[in-house]
Amino acid sequence: MTSDSASRHGPALAPERRLPPITELSVGAMILVVIGGIYLASQLPRSVPLAPAVGLVVAAGAFVLADIVALSRLREFAWRRFRAVFGWALLAYLVIAGMIEYVFVVDQTRSSC
């Protein structure tokens, strides 16, 4: 009663490609930006020291730069689809950033001072 391993464990799967930690770096960058935003918001209405927030943004930028380098080294990648998704995501980000700028700058968000 012998059976091969494929019948015991299902069909053989193609080996999975080893990819760089792009997702992890992107999430790390987003976490750093959110922490910076929370830090700045927690200091209102007082004067906010910007050094910690700037440090967090620089670290997030380094994560994004590492992501770009890792992505640029991938040979077999759906670049056409990536550019399409990136373009729409960038447009959505610009719209959201414009609305946030309107609320904080043009509408003159007030503090209790």
PDB file of N, CA and C in Angstrom:
ATOM      1  N   MET A   1       0.834  -1.166   0.000  1.00  0.00           N
ATOM      2  CA  MET A   1       0.000   0.000   0.000  1.00  0.00           C
ATOM      3  C   MET A   1       0.886   1.238   0.000  1.00  0.00           C
ATOM      4  N   THR A   2       1.346   1.554  -1.157  1.00  0.00           N
ATOM      5  CA  THR A   2       2.187   2.737  -1.300  1.00  0.00           C
ATOM      6  C   THR A   2       1.436   3.782  -2.101  1.00  0.00           C
ATOM      7  N   SER A   3       1.615   5.006  -1.692  1.00  0.00           N
ATOM      8  CA  SER A   3       1.024   6.114  -2.441  1.00  0.00           C
ATOM      9  C   SER A   3       2.035   7.243  -2.475  1.00  0.00           C
ATOM     10  N   ASP A   4       2.013   7.968  -3.549  1.00  0.00           N
ATOM     11  CA  ASP A   4       2.974   9.069  -3.637  1.00  0.00           C
ATOM     12  C   ASP A   4       2.512  10.248  -2.798  1.00  0.00           C
ATOM     13  N   SER A   5       3.420  11.143  -2.551  1.00  0.00           N
ATOM     14  CA  SER A   5       3.122  12.264  -1.652  1.00  0.00           C
ATOM     15  C   SER A   5       2.119  13.233  -2.256  1.00  0.00           C
ATOM     16  N   ALA A   6       2.045  13.307  -3.580  1.00  0.00           N
ATOM     17  CA  ALA A   6       1.105  14.230  -4.207  1.00  0.00           C
ATOM     18  C   ALA A   6      -0.334  13.825  -3.919  1.00  0.00           C
ATOM     19  N   SER A   7      -0.599  12.537  -3.889  1.00  0.00           N
ATOM     20  CA  SER A   7      -1.970  12.118  -3.633  1.00  0.00           C
ATOM     21  C   SER A   7      -2.325  12.268  -2.154  1.00  0.00           C
ATOM     22  N   ARG A   8      -1.357  12.147  -1.271  1.00  0.00           N
ATOM     23  CA  ARG A   8      -1.624  12.315   0.164  1.00  0.00           C
ATOM     24  C   ARG A   8      -1.804  13.770   0.544  1.00  0.00           C
ATOM     25  N   HIS A   9      -1.049  14.644  -0.080  1.00  0.00           N
ATOM     26  CA  HIS A   9      -1.035  16.045   0.319  1.00  0.00           C
ATOM     27  C   HIS A   9      -1.647  16.974  -0.722  1.00  0.00           C
ATOM     28  N   GLY A  10      -2.323  16.451  -1.684  1.00  0.00           N
ATOM     29  CA  GLY A  10      -2.922  17.287  -2.715  1.00  0.00           C
ATOM     30  C   GLY A  10      -1.931  17.531  -3.837  1.00  0.00           C
ATOM     31  N   PRO A  11      -2.319  18.317  -4.827  1.00  0.00           N
ATOM     32  CA  PRO A  11      -1.432  18.581  -5.952  1.00  0.00           C
ATOM     33  C   PRO A  11      -0.229  19.407  -5.516  1.00  0.00           C
ATOM     34  N   ALA A  12       0.870  19.186  -6.212  1.00  0.00           N
ATOM     35  CA  ALA A  12       2.087  19.934  -5.905  1.00  0.00           C
ATOM     36  C   ALA A  12       1.885  21.391  -6.298  1.00  0.00           C
ATOM     37  N   LEU A  13       2.244  22.283  -5.433  1.00  0.00           N
ATOM     38  CA  LEU A  13       2.100  23.711  -5.694  1.00  0.00           C
ATOM     39  C   LEU A  13       3.389  24.269  -6.261  1.00  0.00           C
ATOM     40  N   ALA A  14       3.249  25.291  -7.069  1.00  0.00           N
ATOM     41  CA  ALA A  14       4.430  25.963  -7.599  1.00  0.00           C
ATOM     42  C   ALA A  14       5.142  26.662  -6.450  1.00  0.00           C
ATOM     43  N   PRO A  15       6.456  26.692  -6.492  1.00  0.00           N
ATOM     44  CA  PRO A  15       7.175  27.374  -5.406  1.00  0.00           C
ATOM     45  C   PRO A  15       6.829  28.858  -5.388  1.00  0.00           C
ATOM     46  N   GLU A  16       6.598  29.375  -4.195  1.00  0.00           N
ATOM     47  CA  GLU A  16       6.223  30.773  -4.032  1.00  0.00           C
ATOM     48  C   GLU A  16       7.460  31.650  -4.176  1.00  0.00           C
ATOM     49  N   ARG A  17       7.282  32.775  -4.904  1.00  0.00           N
ATOM     50  CA  ARG A  17       8.394  33.711  -5.070  1.00  0.00           C
ATOM     51  C   ARG A  17       8.696  34.404  -3.758  1.00  0.00           C
ATOM     52  N   ARG A  18       9.947  34.607  -3.506  1.00  0.00           N
ATOM     53  CA  ARG A  18      10.376  35.336  -2.310  1.00  0.00           C
ATOM     54  C   ARG A  18      10.424  36.810  -2.658  1.00  0.00           C
ATOM     55  N   LEU A  19       9.568  37.603  -2.011  1.00  0.00           N
ATOM     56  CA  LEU A  19       9.492  39.032  -2.288  1.00  0.00           C
ATOM     57  C   LEU A  19      10.078  39.823  -1.133  1.00  0.00           C
ATOM     58  N   PRO A  20      10.580  41.016  -1.417  1.00  0.00           N
ATOM     59  CA  PRO A  20      11.085  41.873  -0.333  1.00  0.00           C
ATOM     60  C   PRO A  20       9.939  42.312   0.571  1.00  0.00           C
ATOM     61  N   PRO A  21      10.241  42.795   1.758  1.00  0.00           N
ATOM     62  CA  PRO A  21       9.191  43.169   2.728  1.00  0.00           C
ATOM     63  C   PRO A  21       8.531  44.507   2.403  1.00  0.00           C
ATOM     64  N   ILE A  22       7.940  44.609   1.228  1.00  0.00           N
ATOM     65  CA  ILE A  22       7.351  45.860   0.770  1.00  0.00           C
ATOM     66  C   ILE A  22       6.149  46.243   1.631  1.00  0.00           C
ATOM     67  N   THR A  23       5.278  45.290   1.890  1.00  0.00           N
ATOM     68  CA  THR A  23       4.084  45.581   2.683  1.00  0.00           C
ATOM     69  C   THR A  23       4.449  46.017   4.091  1.00  0.00           C
ATOM     70  N   GLU A  24       5.391  45.320   4.692  1.00  0.00           N
ATOM     71  CA  GLU A  24       5.787  45.640   6.061  1.00  0.00           C
ATOM     72  C   GLU A  24       6.375  47.050   6.154  1.00  0.00           C
ATOM     73  N   LEU A  25       7.195  47.423   5.177  1.00  0.00           N
ATOM     74  CA  LEU A  25       7.775  48.766   5.183  1.00  0.00           C
ATOM     75  C   LEU A  25       6.703  49.833   4.965  1.00  0.00           C
ATOM     76  N   SER A  26       5.741  49.554   4.094  1.00  0.00           N
ATOM     77  CA  SER A  26       4.657  50.514   3.849  1.00  0.00           C
ATOM     78  C   SER A  26       3.808  50.721   5.098  1.00  0.00           C
ATOM     79  N   VAL A  27       3.481  49.628   5.768  1.00  0.00           N
ATOM     80  CA  VAL A  27       2.700  49.728   7.001  1.00  0.00           C
ATOM     81  C   VAL A  27       3.502  50.463   8.071  1.00  0.00           C
ATOM     82  N   GLY A  28       4.794  50.192   8.146  1.00  0.00           N
ATOM     83  CA  GLY A  28       5.650  50.897   9.106  1.00  0.00           C
ATOM     84  C   GLY A  28       5.668  52.395   8.855  1.00  0.00           C
ATOM     85  N   ALA A  29       5.745  52.782   7.574  1.00  0.00           N
ATOM     86  CA  ALA A  29       5.728  54.211   7.235  1.00  0.00           C
ATOM     87  C   ALA A  29       4.397  54.841   7.640  1.00  0.00           C
ATOM     88  N   MET A  30       3.310  54.143   7.368  1.00  0.00           N
ATOM     89  CA  MET A  30       1.991  54.676   7.737  1.00  0.00           C
ATOM     90  C   MET A  30       1.859  54.810   9.254  1.00  0.00           C
ATOM     91  N   ILE A  31       2.360  53.832   9.986  1.00  0.00           N
ATOM     92  CA  ILE A  31       2.306  53.897  11.452  1.00  0.00           C
ATOM     93  C   ILE A  31       3.080  55.103  11.964  1.00  0.00           C
ATOM     94  N   LEU A  32       4.262  55.354  11.395  1.00  0.00           N
ATOM     95  CA  LEU A  32       5.058  56.508  11.822  1.00  0.00           C
ATOM     96  C   LEU A  32       4.336  57.824  11.542  1.00  0.00           C
ATOM     97  N   VAL A  33       3.672  57.916  10.393  1.00  0.00           N
ATOM     98  CA  VAL A  33       2.936  59.137  10.056  1.00  0.00           C
ATOM     99  C   VAL A  33       1.755  59.330  11.012  1.00  0.00           C
ATOM    100  N   VAL A  34       1.043  58.250  11.308  1.00  0.00           N
ATOM    101  CA  VAL A  34      -0.090  58.347  12.231  1.00  0.00           C
ATOM    102  C   VAL A  34       0.384  58.755  13.622  1.00  0.00           C
ATOM    103  N   ILE A  35       1.485  58.180  14.081  1.00  0.00           N
ATOM    104  CA  ILE A  35       2.032  58.563  15.389  1.00  0.00           C
ATOM    105  C   ILE A  35       2.380  60.050  15.399  1.00  0.00           C
ATOM    106  N   GLY A  36       2.989  60.539  14.316  1.00  0.00           N
ATOM    107  CA  GLY A  36       3.314  61.965  14.229  1.00  0.00           C
ATOM    108  C   GLY A  36       2.076  62.835  14.276  1.00  0.00           C
ATOM    109  N   GLY A  37       1.022  62.421  13.586  1.00  0.00           N
ATOM    110  CA  GLY A  37      -0.225  63.179  13.603  1.00  0.00           C
ATOM    111  C   GLY A  37      -0.865  63.199  14.973  1.00  0.00           C
ATOM    112  N   ILE A  38      -0.854  62.065  15.637  1.00  0.00           N
ATOM    113  CA  ILE A  38      -1.407  61.997  16.996  1.00  0.00           C
ATOM    114  C   ILE A  38      -0.593  62.868  17.944  1.00  0.00           C
ATOM    115  N   TYR A  39       0.723  62.838  17.781  1.00  0.00           N
ATOM    116  CA  TYR A  39       1.588  63.676  18.624  1.00  0.00           C
ATOM    117  C   TYR A  39       1.251  65.150  18.430  1.00  0.00           C
ATOM    118  N   LEU A  40       1.138  65.577  17.166  1.00  0.00           N
ATOM    119  CA  LEU A  40       0.832  66.989  16.906  1.00  0.00           C
ATOM    120  C   LEU A  40      -0.541  67.375  17.442  1.00  0.00           C
ATOM    121  N   ALA A  41      -1.529  66.525  17.228  1.00  0.00           N
ATOM    122  CA  ALA A  41      -2.883  66.825  17.700  1.00  0.00           C
ATOM    123  C   ALA A  41      -2.958  66.853  19.216  1.00  0.00           C
ATOM    124  N   SER A  42      -2.159  66.026  19.869  1.00  0.00           N
ATOM    125  CA  SER A  42      -2.212  65.983  21.335  1.00  0.00           C
ATOM    126  C   SER A  42      -1.617  67.232  21.974  1.00  0.00           C
ATOM    127  N   GLN A  43      -0.836  67.974  21.222  1.00  0.00           N
ATOM    128  CA  GLN A  43      -0.201  69.173  21.757  1.00  0.00           C
ATOM    129  C   GLN A  43      -1.066  70.424  21.605  1.00  0.00           C
ATOM    130  N   LEU A  44      -2.124  70.340  20.804  1.00  0.00           N
ATOM    131  CA  LEU A  44      -2.977  71.504  20.610  1.00  0.00           C
ATOM    132  C   LEU A  44      -3.714  71.839  21.892  1.00  0.00           C
ATOM    133  N   PRO A  45      -3.958  73.043  22.235  1.00  0.00           N
ATOM    134  CA  PRO A  45      -3.737  74.292  21.531  1.00  0.00           C
ATOM    135  C   PRO A  45      -2.393  74.942  21.852  1.00  0.00           C
ATOM    136  N   ARG A  46      -1.529  74.238  22.565  1.00  0.00           N
ATOM    137  CA  ARG A  46      -0.224  74.815  22.901  1.00  0.00           C
ATOM    138  C   ARG A  46       0.674  74.862  21.669  1.00  0.00           C
ATOM    139  N   SER A  47       1.797  75.550  21.822  1.00  0.00           N
ATOM    140  CA  SER A  47       2.814  75.558  20.779  1.00  0.00           C
ATOM    141  C   SER A  47       3.452  74.169  20.717  1.00  0.00           C
ATOM    142  N   VAL A  48       3.608  73.656  19.518  1.00  0.00           N
ATOM    143  CA  VAL A  48       4.068  72.277  19.341  1.00  0.00           C
ATOM    144  C   VAL A  48       5.526  72.257  18.917  1.00  0.00           C
ATOM    145  N   PRO A  49       6.396  71.558  19.677  1.00  0.00           N
ATOM    146  CA  PRO A  49       7.763  71.350  19.189  1.00  0.00           C
ATOM    147  C   PRO A  49       7.726  70.383  18.002  1.00  0.00           C
ATOM    148  N   LEU A  50       8.302  70.790  16.894  1.00  0.00           N
ATOM    149  CA  LEU A  50       8.188  70.016  15.668  1.00  0.00           C
ATOM    150  C   LEU A  50       9.264  68.952  15.488  1.00  0.00           C
ATOM    151  N   ALA A  51      10.313  68.968  16.285  1.00  0.00           N
ATOM    152  CA  ALA A  51      11.416  68.026  16.090  1.00  0.00           C
ATOM    153  C   ALA A  51      10.955  66.560  16.109  1.00  0.00           C
ATOM    154  N   PRO A  52      10.147  66.110  17.070  1.00  0.00           N
ATOM    155  CA  PRO A  52       9.716  64.709  17.040  1.00  0.00           C
ATOM    156  C   PRO A  52       8.887  64.367  15.798  1.00  0.00           C
ATOM    157  N   ALA A  53       7.999  65.267  15.406  1.00  0.00           N
ATOM    158  CA  ALA A  53       7.170  65.007  14.229  1.00  0.00           C
ATOM    159  C   ALA A  53       8.010  64.971  12.958  1.00  0.00           C
ATOM    160  N   VAL A  54       8.957  65.875  12.844  1.00  0.00           N
ATOM    161  CA  VAL A  54       9.842  65.886  11.674  1.00  0.00           C
ATOM    162  C   VAL A  54      10.682  64.608  11.637  1.00  0.00           C
ATOM    163  N   GLY A  55      11.169  64.162  12.786  1.00  0.00           N
ATOM    164  CA  GLY A  55      11.928  62.919  12.845  1.00  0.00           C
ATOM    165  C   GLY A  55      11.098  61.726  12.392  1.00  0.00           C
ATOM    166  N   LEU A  56       9.825  61.684  12.801  1.00  0.00           N
ATOM    167  CA  LEU A  56       8.945  60.594  12.382  1.00  0.00           C
ATOM    168  C   LEU A  56       8.669  60.637  10.880  1.00  0.00           C
ATOM    169  N   VAL A  57       8.496  61.836  10.330  1.00  0.00           N
ATOM    170  CA  VAL A  57       8.261  61.959   8.889  1.00  0.00           C
ATOM    171  C   VAL A  57       9.511  61.561   8.102  1.00  0.00           C
ATOM    172  N   VAL A  58      10.673  61.937   8.583  1.00  0.00           N
ATOM    173  CA  VAL A  58      11.920  61.541   7.914  1.00  0.00           C
ATOM    174  C   VAL A  58      12.083  60.019   7.946  1.00  0.00           C
ATOM    175  N   ALA A  59      11.786  59.406   9.082  1.00  0.00           N
ATOM    176  CA  ALA A  59      11.875  57.943   9.178  1.00  0.00           C
ATOM    177  C   ALA A  59      10.860  57.284   8.237  1.00  0.00           C
ATOM    178  N   ALA A  60       9.649  57.827   8.166  1.00  0.00           N
ATOM    179  CA  ALA A  60       8.638  57.292   7.247  1.00  0.00           C
ATOM    180  C   ALA A  60       9.101  57.450   5.800  1.00  0.00           C
ATOM    181  N   GLY A  61       9.713  58.577   5.493  1.00  0.00           N
ATOM    182  CA  GLY A  61      10.259  58.783   4.145  1.00  0.00           C
ATOM    183  C   GLY A  61      11.346  57.789   3.810  1.00  0.00           C
ATOM    184  N   ALA A  62      12.169  57.441   4.787  1.00  0.00           N
ATOM    185  CA  ALA A  62      13.202  56.435   4.569  1.00  0.00           C
ATOM    186  C   ALA A  62      12.574  55.073   4.289  1.00  0.00           C
ATOM    187  N   PHE A  63      11.487  54.755   4.981  1.00  0.00           N
ATOM    188  CA  PHE A  63      10.775  53.495   4.722  1.00  0.00           C
ATOM    189  C   PHE A  63      10.220  53.481   3.297  1.00  0.00           C
ATOM    190  N   VAL A  64       9.623  54.599   2.880  1.00  0.00           N
ATOM    191  CA  VAL A  64       9.060  54.677   1.532  1.00  0.00           C
ATOM    192  C   VAL A  64      10.168  54.582   0.483  1.00  0.00           C
ATOM    193  N   LEU A  65      11.286  55.231   0.736  1.00  0.00           N
ATOM    194  CA  LEU A  65      12.422  55.143  -0.188  1.00  0.00           C
ATOM    195  C   LEU A  65      12.930  53.708  -0.292  1.00  0.00           C
ATOM    196  N   ALA A  66      12.996  53.009   0.835  1.00  0.00           N
ATOM    197  CA  ALA A  66      13.389  51.595   0.812  1.00  0.00           C
ATOM    198  C   ALA A  66      12.387  50.764   0.020  1.00  0.00           C
ATOM    199  N   ASP A  67      11.100  51.103   0.127  1.00  0.00           N
ATOM    200  CA  ASP A  67      10.071  50.423  -0.663  1.00  0.00           C
ATOM    201  C   ASP A  67      10.284  50.645  -2.156  1.00  0.00           C
ATOM    202  N   ILE A  68      10.569  51.874  -2.532  1.00  0.00           N
ATOM    203  CA  ILE A  68      10.779  52.197  -3.946  1.00  0.00           C
ATOM    204  C   ILE A  68      11.982  51.436  -4.495  1.00  0.00           C
ATOM    205  N   VAL A  69      13.046  51.385  -3.721  1.00  0.00           N
ATOM    206  CA  VAL A  69      14.237  50.647  -4.156  1.00  0.00           C
ATOM    207  C   VAL A  69      13.921  49.161  -4.296  1.00  0.00           C
ATOM    208  N   ALA A  70      13.197  48.612  -3.318  1.00  0.00           N
ATOM    209  CA  ALA A  70      12.847  47.185  -3.376  1.00  0.00           C
ATOM    210  C   ALA A  70      11.942  46.889  -4.570  1.00  0.00           C
ATOM    211  N   LEU A  71      10.981  47.767  -4.840  1.00  0.00           N
ATOM    212  CA  LEU A  71      10.093  47.568  -5.981  1.00  0.00           C
ATOM    213  C   LEU A  71      10.840  47.685  -7.304  1.00  0.00           C
ATOM    214  N   SER A  72      11.765  48.623  -7.382  1.00  0.00           N
ATOM    215  CA  SER A  72      12.490  48.829  -8.639  1.00  0.00           C
ATOM    216  C   SER A  72      13.378  47.638  -8.995  1.00  0.00           C
ATOM    217  N   ARG A  73      13.707  46.823  -8.039  1.00  0.00           N
ATOM    218  CA  ARG A  73      14.560  45.657  -8.301  1.00  0.00           C
ATOM    219  C   ARG A  73      13.780  44.422  -8.742  1.00  0.00           C
ATOM    220  N   LEU A  74      12.447  44.472  -8.648  1.00  0.00           N
ATOM    221  CA  LEU A  74      11.640  43.332  -9.085  1.00  0.00           C
ATOM    222  C   LEU A  74      11.586  43.302 -10.603  1.00  0.00           C
ATOM    223  N   ARG A  75      11.920  42.167 -11.185  1.00  0.00           N
ATOM    224  CA  ARG A  75      11.901  42.056 -12.644  1.00  0.00           C
ATOM    225  C   ARG A  75      10.515  41.670 -13.148  1.00  0.00           C
ATOM    226  N   GLU A  76       9.971  40.607 -12.600  1.00  0.00           N
ATOM    227  CA  GLU A  76       8.656  40.141 -13.027  1.00  0.00           C
ATOM    228  C   GLU A  76       7.601  40.776 -12.129  1.00  0.00           C
ATOM    229  N   PHE A  77       7.071  41.891 -12.595  1.00  0.00           N
ATOM    230  CA  PHE A  77       6.112  42.637 -11.805  1.00  0.00           C
ATOM    231  C   PHE A  77       5.120  43.290 -12.760  1.00  0.00           C
ATOM    232  N   ALA A  78       3.875  43.403 -12.364  1.00  0.00           N
ATOM    233  CA  ALA A  78       2.830  43.994 -13.207  1.00  0.00           C
ATOM    234  C   ALA A  78       2.908  45.518 -13.134  1.00  0.00           C
ATOM    235  N   TRP A  79       3.922  46.082 -13.795  1.00  0.00           N
ATOM    236  CA  TRP A  79       4.156  47.517 -13.709  1.00  0.00           C
ATOM    237  C   TRP A  79       3.014  48.324 -14.307  1.00  0.00           C
ATOM    238  N   ARG A  80       2.395  47.852 -15.373  1.00  0.00           N
ATOM    239  CA  ARG A  80       1.300  48.592 -15.995  1.00  0.00           C
ATOM    240  C   ARG A  80       0.127  48.732 -15.015  1.00  0.00           C
ATOM    241  N   ARG A  81      -0.237  47.642 -14.385  1.00  0.00           N
ATOM    242  CA  ARG A  81      -1.329  47.679 -13.411  1.00  0.00           C
ATOM    243  C   ARG A  81      -0.921  48.518 -12.190  1.00  0.00           C
ATOM    244  N   PHE A  82       0.333  48.395 -11.767  1.00  0.00           N
ATOM    245  CA  PHE A  82       0.816  49.174 -10.625  1.00  0.00           C
ATOM    246  C   PHE A  82       0.678  50.670 -10.904  1.00  0.00           C
ATOM    247  N   ARG A  83       1.076  51.110 -12.109  1.00  0.00           N
ATOM    248  CA  ARG A  83       0.986  52.532 -12.449  1.00  0.00           C
ATOM    249  C   ARG A  83      -0.466  53.004 -12.483  1.00  0.00           C
ATOM    250  N   ALA A  84      -1.369  52.154 -12.984  1.00  0.00           N
ATOM    251  CA  ALA A  84      -2.782  52.532 -13.029  1.00  0.00           C
ATOM    252  C   ALA A  84      -3.341  52.703 -11.623  1.00  0.00           C
ATOM    253  N   VAL A  85      -3.084  51.742 -10.753  1.00  0.00           N
ATOM    254  CA  VAL A  85      -3.573  51.831  -9.369  1.00  0.00           C
ATOM    255  C   VAL A  85      -2.911  52.997  -8.643  1.00  0.00           C
ATOM    256  N   PHE A  86      -1.610  53.166  -8.852  1.00  0.00           N
ATOM    257  CA  PHE A  86      -0.885  54.260  -8.216  1.00  0.00           C
ATOM    258  C   PHE A  86      -1.450  55.614  -8.643  1.00  0.00           C
ATOM    259  N   GLY A  87      -1.770  55.767  -9.916  1.00  0.00           N
ATOM    260  CA  GLY A  87      -2.306  57.030 -10.411  1.00  0.00           C
ATOM    261  C   GLY A  87      -3.634  57.382  -9.762  1.00  0.00           C
ATOM    262  N   TRP A  88      -4.551  56.402  -9.672  1.00  0.00           N
ATOM    263  CA  TRP A  88      -5.843  56.659  -9.043  1.00  0.00           C
ATOM    264  C   TRP A  88      -5.691  56.897  -7.549  1.00  0.00           C
ATOM    265  N   ALA A  89      -4.801  56.161  -6.905  1.00  0.00           N
ATOM    266  CA  ALA A  89      -4.578  56.368  -5.468  1.00  0.00           C
ATOM    267  C   ALA A  89      -3.987  57.757  -5.217  1.00  0.00           C
ATOM    268  N   LEU A  90      -3.080  58.188  -6.083  1.00  0.00           N
ATOM    269  CA  LEU A  90      -2.499  59.526  -5.946  1.00  0.00           C
ATOM    270  C   LEU A  90      -3.565  60.604  -6.128  1.00  0.00           C
ATOM    271  N   LEU A  91      -4.453  60.415  -7.095  1.00  0.00           N
ATOM    272  CA  LEU A  91      -5.540  61.375  -7.287  1.00  0.00           C
ATOM    273  C   LEU A  91      -6.430  61.445  -6.049  1.00  0.00           C
ATOM    274  N   ALA A  92      -6.785  60.290  -5.489  1.00  0.00           N
ATOM    275  CA  ALA A  92      -7.612  60.273  -4.278  1.00  0.00           C
ATOM    276  C   ALA A  92      -6.886  60.952  -3.128  1.00  0.00           C
ATOM    277  N   TYR A  93      -5.596  60.699  -2.995  1.00  0.00           N
ATOM    278  CA  TYR A  93      -4.823  61.333  -1.930  1.00  0.00           C
ATOM    279  C   TYR A  93      -4.802  62.847  -2.092  1.00  0.00           C
ATOM    280  N   LEU A  94      -4.625  63.331  -3.304  1.00  0.00           N
ATOM    281  CA  LEU A  94      -4.593  64.771  -3.524  1.00  0.00           C
ATOM    282  C   LEU A  94      -5.936  65.423  -3.191  1.00  0.00           C
ATOM    283  N   VAL A  95      -7.030  64.753  -3.521  1.00  0.00           N
ATOM    284  CA  VAL A  95      -8.354  65.283  -3.179  1.00  0.00           C
ATOM    285  C   VAL A  95      -8.513  65.345  -1.657  1.00  0.00           C
ATOM    286  N   ILE A  96      -8.147  64.259  -0.974  1.00  0.00           N
ATOM    287  CA  ILE A  96      -8.259  64.230   0.491  1.00  0.00           C
ATOM    288  C   ILE A  96      -7.354  65.272   1.125  1.00  0.00           C
ATOM    289  N   ALA A  97      -6.119  65.390   0.632  1.00  0.00           N
ATOM    290  CA  ALA A  97      -5.194  66.389   1.172  1.00  0.00           C
ATOM    291  C   ALA A  97      -5.738  67.798   0.956  1.00  0.00           C
ATOM    292  N   GLY A  98      -6.371  68.044  -0.181  1.00  0.00           N
ATOM    293  CA  GLY A  98      -6.973  69.358  -0.434  1.00  0.00           C
ATOM    294  C   GLY A  98      -8.101  69.662   0.528  1.00  0.00           C
ATOM    295  N   MET A  99      -8.923  68.659   0.813  1.00  0.00           N
ATOM    296  CA  MET A  99     -10.019  68.879   1.771  1.00  0.00           C
ATOM    297  C   MET A  99      -9.471  69.147   3.165  1.00  0.00           C
ATOM    298  N   ILE A 100      -8.448  68.408   3.572  1.00  0.00           N
ATOM    299  CA  ILE A 100      -7.856  68.629   4.897  1.00  0.00           C
ATOM    300  C   ILE A 100      -7.216  70.007   4.962  1.00  0.00           C
ATOM    301  N   GLU A 101      -6.532  70.417   3.890  1.00  0.00           N
ATOM    302  CA  GLU A 101      -5.926  71.746   3.877  1.00  0.00           C
ATOM    303  C   GLU A 101      -6.995  72.820   3.967  1.00  0.00           C
ATOM    304  N   TYR A 102      -8.095  72.631   3.293  1.00  0.00           N
ATOM    305  CA  TYR A 102      -9.194  73.597   3.374  1.00  0.00           C
ATOM    306  C   TYR A 102      -9.682  73.739   4.812  1.00  0.00           C
ATOM    307  N   VAL A 103      -9.882  72.620   5.487  1.00  0.00           N
ATOM    308  CA  VAL A 103     -10.400  72.664   6.848  1.00  0.00           C
ATOM    309  C   VAL A 103      -9.430  73.368   7.780  1.00  0.00           C
ATOM    310  N   PHE A 104      -8.152  73.055   7.684  1.00  0.00           N
ATOM    311  CA  PHE A 104      -7.190  73.603   8.643  1.00  0.00           C
ATOM    312  C   PHE A 104      -6.673  74.985   8.279  1.00  0.00           C
ATOM    313  N   VAL A 105      -6.516  75.290   7.014  1.00  0.00           N
ATOM    314  CA  VAL A 105      -5.886  76.550   6.627  1.00  0.00           C
ATOM    315  C   VAL A 105      -6.919  77.590   6.208  1.00  0.00           C
ATOM    316  N   VAL A 106      -7.706  77.295   5.233  1.00  0.00           N
ATOM    317  CA  VAL A 106      -8.648  78.269   4.695  1.00  0.00           C
ATOM    318  C   VAL A 106      -9.757  78.559   5.694  1.00  0.00           C
ATOM    319  N   ASP A 107     -10.268  77.534   6.357  1.00  0.00           N
ATOM    320  CA  ASP A 107     -11.350  77.699   7.308  1.00  0.00           C
ATOM    321  C   ASP A 107     -10.861  78.213   8.662  1.00  0.00           C
ATOM    322  N   GLN A 108      -9.571  78.375   8.814  1.00  0.00           N
ATOM    323  CA  GLN A 108      -8.940  78.902  10.026  1.00  0.00           C
ATOM    324  C   GLN A 108      -9.408  78.173  11.270  1.00  0.00           C
ATOM    325  N   THR A 109      -9.042  76.908  11.363  1.00  0.00           N
ATOM    326  CA  THR A 109      -9.374  76.093  12.533  1.00  0.00           C
ATOM    327  C   THR A 109      -8.861  76.795  13.774  1.00  0.00           C
ATOM    328  N   ARG A 110      -9.741  76.991  14.729  1.00  0.00           N
ATOM    329  CA  ARG A 110      -9.400  77.754  15.934  1.00  0.00           C
ATOM    330  C   ARG A 110      -9.037  76.831  17.084  1.00  0.00           C
ATOM    331  N   SER A 111      -8.215  77.360  17.958  1.00  0.00           N
ATOM    332  CA  SER A 111      -7.905  76.654  19.196  1.00  0.00           C
ATOM    333  C   SER A 111      -8.525  77.448  20.342  1.00  0.00           C
ATOM    334  N   SER A 112      -8.327  76.972  21.569  1.00  0.00           N
ATOM    335  CA  SER A 112      -8.925  77.662  22.718  1.00  0.00           C
ATOM    336  C   SER A 112      -8.091  78.844  23.182  1.00  0.00           C
ATOM    337  N   CYS A 113      -6.995  79.166  22.500  1.00  0.00           N
ATOM    338  CA  CYS A 113      -6.149  80.305  22.892  1.00  0.00           C
ATOM    339  C   CYS A 113      -6.763  81.612  22.523  1.00  0.00           C
TER     340      CYS A 113
END
